[in-house]
Amino acid sequence: MSKKYLPKYQRLMKRLRLARLAAELTQVEAGKRLKKPQAYISKIERGERGVDALELAEFAKIYKKDISYFVK
């Protein structure tokens, strides 16, 4: 059974993945920069794990994006 996400959360998941790819990072590399396992990145990008504001700020930092990129 597939999960249904609110459109805004679907955009967040997509933008996290696109920002990682634009930064030319693999999930493994992004995880290392965040001191987290690759599975952490994968679960967030698939919507299996939520992300709080502080985590989002860390993603913005390593992906070199303004935090507003993810929430607009």
PDB file of N, CA and C in Angstrom:
ATOM      1  N   MET A   1       0.843  -1.181   0.000  1.00  0.00           N
ATOM      2  CA  MET A   1       0.000   0.000   0.000  1.00  0.00           C
ATOM      3  C   MET A   1       0.889   1.246   0.000  1.00  0.00           C
ATOM      4  N   SER A   2       0.683   2.118  -0.937  1.00  0.00           N
ATOM      5  CA  SER A   2       1.494   3.341  -1.019  1.00  0.00           C
ATOM      6  C   SER A   2       0.897   4.418  -0.121  1.00  0.00           C
ATOM      7  N   LYS A   3       1.776   5.242   0.421  1.00  0.00           N
ATOM      8  CA  LYS A   3       1.337   6.330   1.284  1.00  0.00           C
ATOM      9  C   LYS A   3       0.936   7.530   0.446  1.00  0.00           C
ATOM     10  N   LYS A   4      -0.012   8.288   0.944  1.00  0.00           N
ATOM     11  CA  LYS A   4      -0.427   9.536   0.307  1.00  0.00           C
ATOM     12  C   LYS A   4       0.100  10.681   1.161  1.00  0.00           C
ATOM     13  N   TYR A   5       0.778  11.595   0.540  1.00  0.00           N
ATOM     14  CA  TYR A   5       1.341  12.735   1.245  1.00  0.00           C
ATOM     15  C   TYR A   5       0.674  14.010   0.771  1.00  0.00           C
ATOM     16  N   LEU A   6       0.624  14.983   1.669  1.00  0.00           N
ATOM     17  CA  LEU A   6       0.123  16.291   1.283  1.00  0.00           C
ATOM     18  C   LEU A   6       1.013  16.851   0.183  1.00  0.00           C
ATOM     19  N   PRO A   7       0.439  17.603  -0.754  1.00  0.00           N
ATOM     20  CA  PRO A   7       1.244  18.150  -1.857  1.00  0.00           C
ATOM     21  C   PRO A   7       2.470  18.927  -1.388  1.00  0.00           C
ATOM     22  N   LYS A   8       2.362  19.680  -0.300  1.00  0.00           N
ATOM     23  CA  LYS A   8       3.509  20.450   0.188  1.00  0.00           C
ATOM     24  C   LYS A   8       4.628  19.527   0.665  1.00  0.00           C
ATOM     25  N   TYR A   9       4.267  18.418   1.302  1.00  0.00           N
ATOM     26  CA  TYR A   9       5.297  17.487   1.761  1.00  0.00           C
ATOM     27  C   TYR A   9       5.916  16.749   0.577  1.00  0.00           C
ATOM     28  N   GLN A  10       5.121  16.452  -0.439  1.00  0.00           N
ATOM     29  CA  GLN A  10       5.659  15.825  -1.651  1.00  0.00           C
ATOM     30  C   GLN A  10       6.690  16.749  -2.299  1.00  0.00           C
ATOM     31  N   ARG A  11       6.404  18.052  -2.334  1.00  0.00           N
ATOM     32  CA  ARG A  11       7.358  19.022  -2.896  1.00  0.00           C
ATOM     33  C   ARG A  11       8.640  19.055  -2.070  1.00  0.00           C
ATOM     34  N   LEU A  12       8.506  19.004  -0.755  1.00  0.00           N
ATOM     35  CA  LEU A  12       9.681  19.007   0.115  1.00  0.00           C
ATOM     36  C   LEU A  12      10.568  17.803  -0.185  1.00  0.00           C
ATOM     37  N   MET A  13       9.983  16.631  -0.257  1.00  0.00           N
ATOM     38  CA  MET A  13      10.758  15.415  -0.545  1.00  0.00           C
ATOM     39  C   MET A  13      11.459  15.535  -1.896  1.00  0.00           C
ATOM     40  N   LYS A  14      10.740  16.030  -2.895  1.00  0.00           N
ATOM     41  CA  LYS A  14      11.309  16.178  -4.230  1.00  0.00           C
ATOM     42  C   LYS A  14      12.445  17.201  -4.229  1.00  0.00           C
ATOM     43  N   ARG A  15      12.236  18.322  -3.551  1.00  0.00           N
ATOM     44  CA  ARG A  15      13.262  19.371  -3.525  1.00  0.00           C
ATOM     45  C   ARG A  15      14.508  18.924  -2.757  1.00  0.00           C
ATOM     46  N   LEU A  16      14.331  18.125  -1.712  1.00  0.00           N
ATOM     47  CA  LEU A  16      15.495  17.600  -1.009  1.00  0.00           C
ATOM     48  C   LEU A  16      16.339  16.735  -1.946  1.00  0.00           C
ATOM     49  N   ARG A  17      15.675  15.889  -2.707  1.00  0.00           N
ATOM     50  CA  ARG A  17      16.394  15.026  -3.648  1.00  0.00           C
ATOM     51  C   ARG A  17      17.055  15.855  -4.752  1.00  0.00           C
ATOM     52  N   LEU A  18      16.304  16.801  -5.331  1.00  0.00           N
ATOM     53  CA  LEU A  18      16.857  17.634  -6.404  1.00  0.00           C
ATOM     54  C   LEU A  18      18.036  18.473  -5.924  1.00  0.00           C
ATOM     55  N   ALA A  19      17.940  18.995  -4.709  1.00  0.00           N
ATOM     56  CA  ALA A  19      19.039  19.799  -4.159  1.00  0.00           C
ATOM     57  C   ALA A  19      20.278  18.939  -3.952  1.00  0.00           C
ATOM     58  N   ARG A  20      20.080  17.710  -3.493  1.00  0.00           N
ATOM     59  CA  ARG A  20      21.218  16.799  -3.318  1.00  0.00           C
ATOM     60  C   ARG A  20      21.879  16.513  -4.660  1.00  0.00           C
ATOM     61  N   LEU A  21      21.075  16.241  -5.655  1.00  0.00           N
ATOM     62  CA  LEU A  21      21.624  15.958  -6.987  1.00  0.00           C
ATOM     63  C   LEU A  21      22.312  17.188  -7.572  1.00  0.00           C
ATOM     64  N   ALA A  22      21.735  18.372  -7.374  1.00  0.00           N
ATOM     65  CA  ALA A  22      22.350  19.614  -7.864  1.00  0.00           C
ATOM     66  C   ALA A  22      23.688  19.872  -7.177  1.00  0.00           C
ATOM     67  N   ALA A  23      23.797  19.436  -5.917  1.00  0.00           N
ATOM     68  CA  ALA A  23      25.049  19.590  -5.177  1.00  0.00           C
ATOM     69  C   ALA A  23      26.044  18.486  -5.555  1.00  0.00           C
ATOM     70  N   GLU A  24      25.605  17.608  -6.457  1.00  0.00           N
ATOM     71  CA  GLU A  24      26.418  16.485  -6.936  1.00  0.00           C
ATOM     72  C   GLU A  24      26.896  15.596  -5.793  1.00  0.00           C
ATOM     73  N   LEU A  25      25.938  15.278  -4.910  1.00  0.00           N
ATOM     74  CA  LEU A  25      26.230  14.396  -3.784  1.00  0.00           C
ATOM     75  C   LEU A  25      25.393  13.130  -3.899  1.00  0.00           C
ATOM     76  N   THR A  26      25.999  12.019  -3.551  1.00  0.00           N
ATOM     77  CA  THR A  26      25.227  10.783  -3.423  1.00  0.00           C
ATOM     78  C   THR A  26      24.572  10.790  -2.052  1.00  0.00           C
ATOM     79  N   GLN A  27      23.669   9.866  -1.832  1.00  0.00           N
ATOM     80  CA  GLN A  27      23.063   9.754  -0.511  1.00  0.00           C
ATOM     81  C   GLN A  27      24.127   9.419   0.533  1.00  0.00           C
ATOM     82  N   VAL A  28      25.094   8.611   0.165  1.00  0.00           N
ATOM     83  CA  VAL A  28      26.179   8.251   1.081  1.00  0.00           C
ATOM     84  C   VAL A  28      26.983   9.491   1.464  1.00  0.00           C
ATOM     85  N   GLU A  29      27.345  10.301   0.470  1.00  0.00           N
ATOM     86  CA  GLU A  29      28.130  11.516   0.730  1.00  0.00           C
ATOM     87  C   GLU A  29      27.350  12.513   1.584  1.00  0.00           C
ATOM     88  N   ALA A  30      26.063  12.688   1.276  1.00  0.00           N
ATOM     89  CA  ALA A  30      25.233  13.602   2.063  1.00  0.00           C
ATOM     90  C   ALA A  30      25.132  13.102   3.499  1.00  0.00           C
ATOM     91  N   GLY A  31      24.950  11.805   3.654  1.00  0.00           N
ATOM     92  CA  GLY A  31      24.878  11.220   4.985  1.00  0.00           C
ATOM     93  C   GLY A  31      26.155  11.454   5.781  1.00  0.00           C
ATOM     94  N   LYS A  32      27.298  11.294   5.130  1.00  0.00           N
ATOM     95  CA  LYS A  32      28.579  11.515   5.818  1.00  0.00           C
ATOM     96  C   LYS A  32      28.697  12.960   6.291  1.00  0.00           C
ATOM     97  N   ARG A  33      28.282  13.897   5.459  1.00  0.00           N
ATOM     98  CA  ARG A  33      28.354  15.314   5.844  1.00  0.00           C
ATOM     99  C   ARG A  33      27.434  15.635   7.017  1.00  0.00           C
ATOM    100  N   LEU A  34      26.328  14.898   7.097  1.00  0.00           N
ATOM    101  CA  LEU A  34      25.379  15.103   8.190  1.00  0.00           C
ATOM    102  C   LEU A  34      25.659  14.190   9.380  1.00  0.00           C
ATOM    103  N   LYS A  35      26.679  13.328   9.226  1.00  0.00           N
ATOM    104  CA  LYS A  35      27.016  12.335  10.260  1.00  0.00           C
ATOM    105  C   LYS A  35      25.833  11.399  10.521  1.00  0.00           C
ATOM    106  N   LYS A  36      25.216  10.981   9.414  1.00  0.00           N
ATOM    107  CA  LYS A  36      24.070  10.073   9.456  1.00  0.00           C
ATOM    108  C   LYS A  36      24.309   8.977   8.419  1.00  0.00           C
ATOM    109  N   PRO A  37      23.662   7.823   8.570  1.00  0.00           N
ATOM    110  CA  PRO A  37      23.803   6.763   7.562  1.00  0.00           C
ATOM    111  C   PRO A  37      23.049   7.099   6.270  1.00  0.00           C
ATOM    112  N   GLN A  38      23.411   6.439   5.206  1.00  0.00           N
ATOM    113  CA  GLN A  38      22.749   6.636   3.905  1.00  0.00           C
ATOM    114  C   GLN A  38      21.255   6.380   4.025  1.00  0.00           C
ATOM    115  N   ALA A  39      20.875   5.410   4.837  1.00  0.00           N
ATOM    116  CA  ALA A  39      19.461   5.066   4.991  1.00  0.00           C
ATOM    117  C   ALA A  39      18.646   6.252   5.524  1.00  0.00           C
ATOM    118  N   TYR A  40      19.254   7.090   6.332  1.00  0.00           N
ATOM    119  CA  TYR A  40      18.595   8.291   6.855  1.00  0.00           C
ATOM    120  C   TYR A  40      18.161   9.202   5.699  1.00  0.00           C
ATOM    121  N   ILE A  41      19.092   9.441   4.766  1.00  0.00           N
ATOM    122  CA  ILE A  41      18.796  10.289   3.597  1.00  0.00           C
ATOM    123  C   ILE A  41      17.715   9.640   2.747  1.00  0.00           C
ATOM    124  N   SER A  42      17.871   8.356   2.492  1.00  0.00           N
ATOM    125  CA  SER A  42      16.920   7.627   1.660  1.00  0.00           C
ATOM    126  C   SER A  42      15.507   7.679   2.245  1.00  0.00           C
ATOM    127  N   LYS A  43      15.391   7.438   3.533  1.00  0.00           N
ATOM    128  CA  LYS A  43      14.067   7.431   4.166  1.00  0.00           C
ATOM    129  C   LYS A  43      13.415   8.806   4.124  1.00  0.00           C
ATOM    130  N   ILE A  44      14.197   9.857   4.280  1.00  0.00           N
ATOM    131  CA  ILE A  44      13.640  11.208   4.201  1.00  0.00           C
ATOM    132  C   ILE A  44      13.169  11.487   2.775  1.00  0.00           C
ATOM    133  N   GLU A  45      13.996  11.150   1.788  1.00  0.00           N
ATOM    134  CA  GLU A  45      13.627  11.418   0.388  1.00  0.00           C
ATOM    135  C   GLU A  45      12.415  10.606  -0.052  1.00  0.00           C
ATOM    136  N   ARG A  46      12.191   9.449   0.557  1.00  0.00           N
ATOM    137  CA  ARG A  46      11.029   8.617   0.222  1.00  0.00           C
ATOM    138  C   ARG A  46       9.809   8.930   1.085  1.00  0.00           C
ATOM    139  N   GLY A  47       9.991   9.777   2.100  1.00  0.00           N
ATOM    140  CA  GLY A  47       8.877  10.139   2.962  1.00  0.00           C
ATOM    141  C   GLY A  47       8.618   9.157   4.078  1.00  0.00           C
ATOM    142  N   GLU A  48       9.555   8.264   4.333  1.00  0.00           N
ATOM    143  CA  GLU A  48       9.389   7.308   5.423  1.00  0.00           C
ATOM    144  C   GLU A  48       9.817   7.894   6.761  1.00  0.00           C
ATOM    145  N   ARG A  49      10.495   9.014   6.716  1.00  0.00           N
ATOM    146  CA  ARG A  49      10.952   9.696   7.924  1.00  0.00           C
ATOM    147  C   ARG A  49      10.734  11.186   7.725  1.00  0.00           C
ATOM    148  N   GLY A  50      10.187  11.821   8.721  1.00  0.00           N
ATOM    149  CA  GLY A  50       9.978  13.259   8.651  1.00  0.00           C
ATOM    150  C   GLY A  50      11.274  14.009   8.904  1.00  0.00           C
ATOM    151  N   VAL A  51      11.237  15.292   8.643  1.00  0.00           N
ATOM    152  CA  VAL A  51      12.396  16.139   8.876  1.00  0.00           C
ATOM    153  C   VAL A  51      11.925  17.368   9.643  1.00  0.00           C
ATOM    154  N   ASP A  52      12.649  17.705  10.722  1.00  0.00           N
ATOM    155  CA  ASP A  52      12.244  18.883  11.492  1.00  0.00           C
ATOM    156  C   ASP A  52      13.008  20.110  10.988  1.00  0.00           C
ATOM    157  N   ALA A  53      12.705  21.249  11.553  1.00  0.00           N
ATOM    158  CA  ALA A  53      13.288  22.510  11.079  1.00  0.00           C
ATOM    159  C   ALA A  53      14.802  22.542  11.223  1.00  0.00           C
ATOM    160  N   LEU A  54      15.325  22.005  12.312  1.00  0.00           N
ATOM    161  CA  LEU A  54      16.769  22.006  12.507  1.00  0.00           C
ATOM    162  C   LEU A  54      17.471  21.101  11.495  1.00  0.00           C
ATOM    163  N   GLU A  55      16.879  19.947  11.213  1.00  0.00           N
ATOM    164  CA  GLU A  55      17.440  19.043  10.200  1.00  0.00           C
ATOM    165  C   GLU A  55      17.380  19.697   8.826  1.00  0.00           C
ATOM    166  N   LEU A  56      16.267  20.353   8.537  1.00  0.00           N
ATOM    167  CA  LEU A  56      16.120  21.021   7.246  1.00  0.00           C
ATOM    168  C   LEU A  56      17.189  22.097   7.071  1.00  0.00           C
ATOM    169  N   ALA A  57      17.500  22.800   8.135  1.00  0.00           N
ATOM    170  CA  ALA A  57      18.554  23.814   8.082  1.00  0.00           C
ATOM    171  C   ALA A  57      19.908  23.173   7.757  1.00  0.00           C
ATOM    172  N   GLU A  58      20.157  21.994   8.289  1.00  0.00           N
ATOM    173  CA  GLU A  58      21.407  21.289   7.992  1.00  0.00           C
ATOM    174  C   GLU A  58      21.450  20.857   6.528  1.00  0.00           C
ATOM    175  N   PHE A  59      20.325  20.371   6.011  1.00  0.00           N
ATOM    176  CA  PHE A  59      20.264  20.019   4.589  1.00  0.00           C
ATOM    177  C   PHE A  59      20.553  21.253   3.740  1.00  0.00           C
ATOM    178  N   ALA A  60      19.921  22.361   4.074  1.00  0.00           N
ATOM    179  CA  ALA A  60      20.121  23.599   3.315  1.00  0.00           C
ATOM    180  C   ALA A  60      21.597  23.985   3.301  1.00  0.00           C
ATOM    181  N   LYS A  61      22.258  23.827   4.422  1.00  0.00           N
ATOM    182  CA  LYS A  61      23.672  24.179   4.527  1.00  0.00           C
ATOM    183  C   LYS A  61      24.542  23.301   3.632  1.00  0.00           C
ATOM    184  N   ILE A  62      24.371  21.986   3.703  1.00  0.00           N
ATOM    185  CA  ILE A  62      25.255  21.114   2.902  1.00  0.00           C
ATOM    186  C   ILE A  62      24.909  21.149   1.415  1.00  0.00           C
ATOM    187  N   TYR A  63      23.653  21.461   1.096  1.00  0.00           N
ATOM    188  CA  TYR A  63      23.254  21.544  -0.316  1.00  0.00           C
ATOM    189  C   TYR A  63      23.420  22.945  -0.880  1.00  0.00           C
ATOM    190  N   LYS A  64      23.861  23.880  -0.042  1.00  0.00           N
ATOM    191  CA  LYS A  64      24.082  25.273  -0.445  1.00  0.00           C
ATOM    192  C   LYS A  64      22.820  25.911  -1.039  1.00  0.00           C
ATOM    193  N   LYS A  65      21.741  25.740  -0.312  1.00  0.00           N
ATOM    194  CA  LYS A  65      20.451  26.318  -0.696  1.00  0.00           C
ATOM    195  C   LYS A  65      19.912  27.129   0.478  1.00  0.00           C
ATOM    196  N   ASP A  66      19.154  28.162   0.169  1.00  0.00           N
ATOM    197  CA  ASP A  66      18.443  28.884   1.210  1.00  0.00           C
ATOM    198  C   ASP A  66      17.316  27.986   1.699  1.00  0.00           C
ATOM    199  N   ILE A  67      17.038  28.018   2.973  1.00  0.00           N
ATOM    200  CA  ILE A  67      16.007  27.142   3.534  1.00  0.00           C
ATOM    201  C   ILE A  67      14.650  27.371   2.873  1.00  0.00           C
ATOM    202  N   SER A  68      14.412  28.574   2.394  1.00  0.00           N
ATOM    203  CA  SER A  68      13.127  28.875   1.732  1.00  0.00           C
ATOM    204  C   SER A  68      12.943  28.051   0.454  1.00  0.00           C
ATOM    205  N   TYR A  69      14.025  27.610  -0.166  1.00  0.00           N
ATOM    206  CA  TYR A  69      13.942  26.769  -1.366  1.00  0.00           C
ATOM    207  C   TYR A  69      13.108  25.514  -1.092  1.00  0.00           C
ATOM    208  N   PHE A  70      13.218  24.984   0.117  1.00  0.00           N
ATOM    209  CA  PHE A  70      12.552  23.731   0.440  1.00  0.00           C
ATOM    210  C   PHE A  70      11.104  23.898   0.866  1.00  0.00           C
ATOM    211  N   VAL A  71      10.733  25.078   1.324  1.00  0.00           N
ATOM    212  CA  VAL A  71       9.396  25.240   1.899  1.00  0.00           C
ATOM    213  C   VAL A  71       8.457  26.148   1.105  1.00  0.00           C
ATOM    214  N   LYS A  72       8.909  26.646  -0.027  1.00  0.00           N
ATOM    215  CA  LYS A  72       8.003  27.531  -0.788  1.00  0.00           C
ATOM    216  C   LYS A  72       7.127  26.739  -1.713  1.00  0.00           C
TER     217      LYS A  72
END
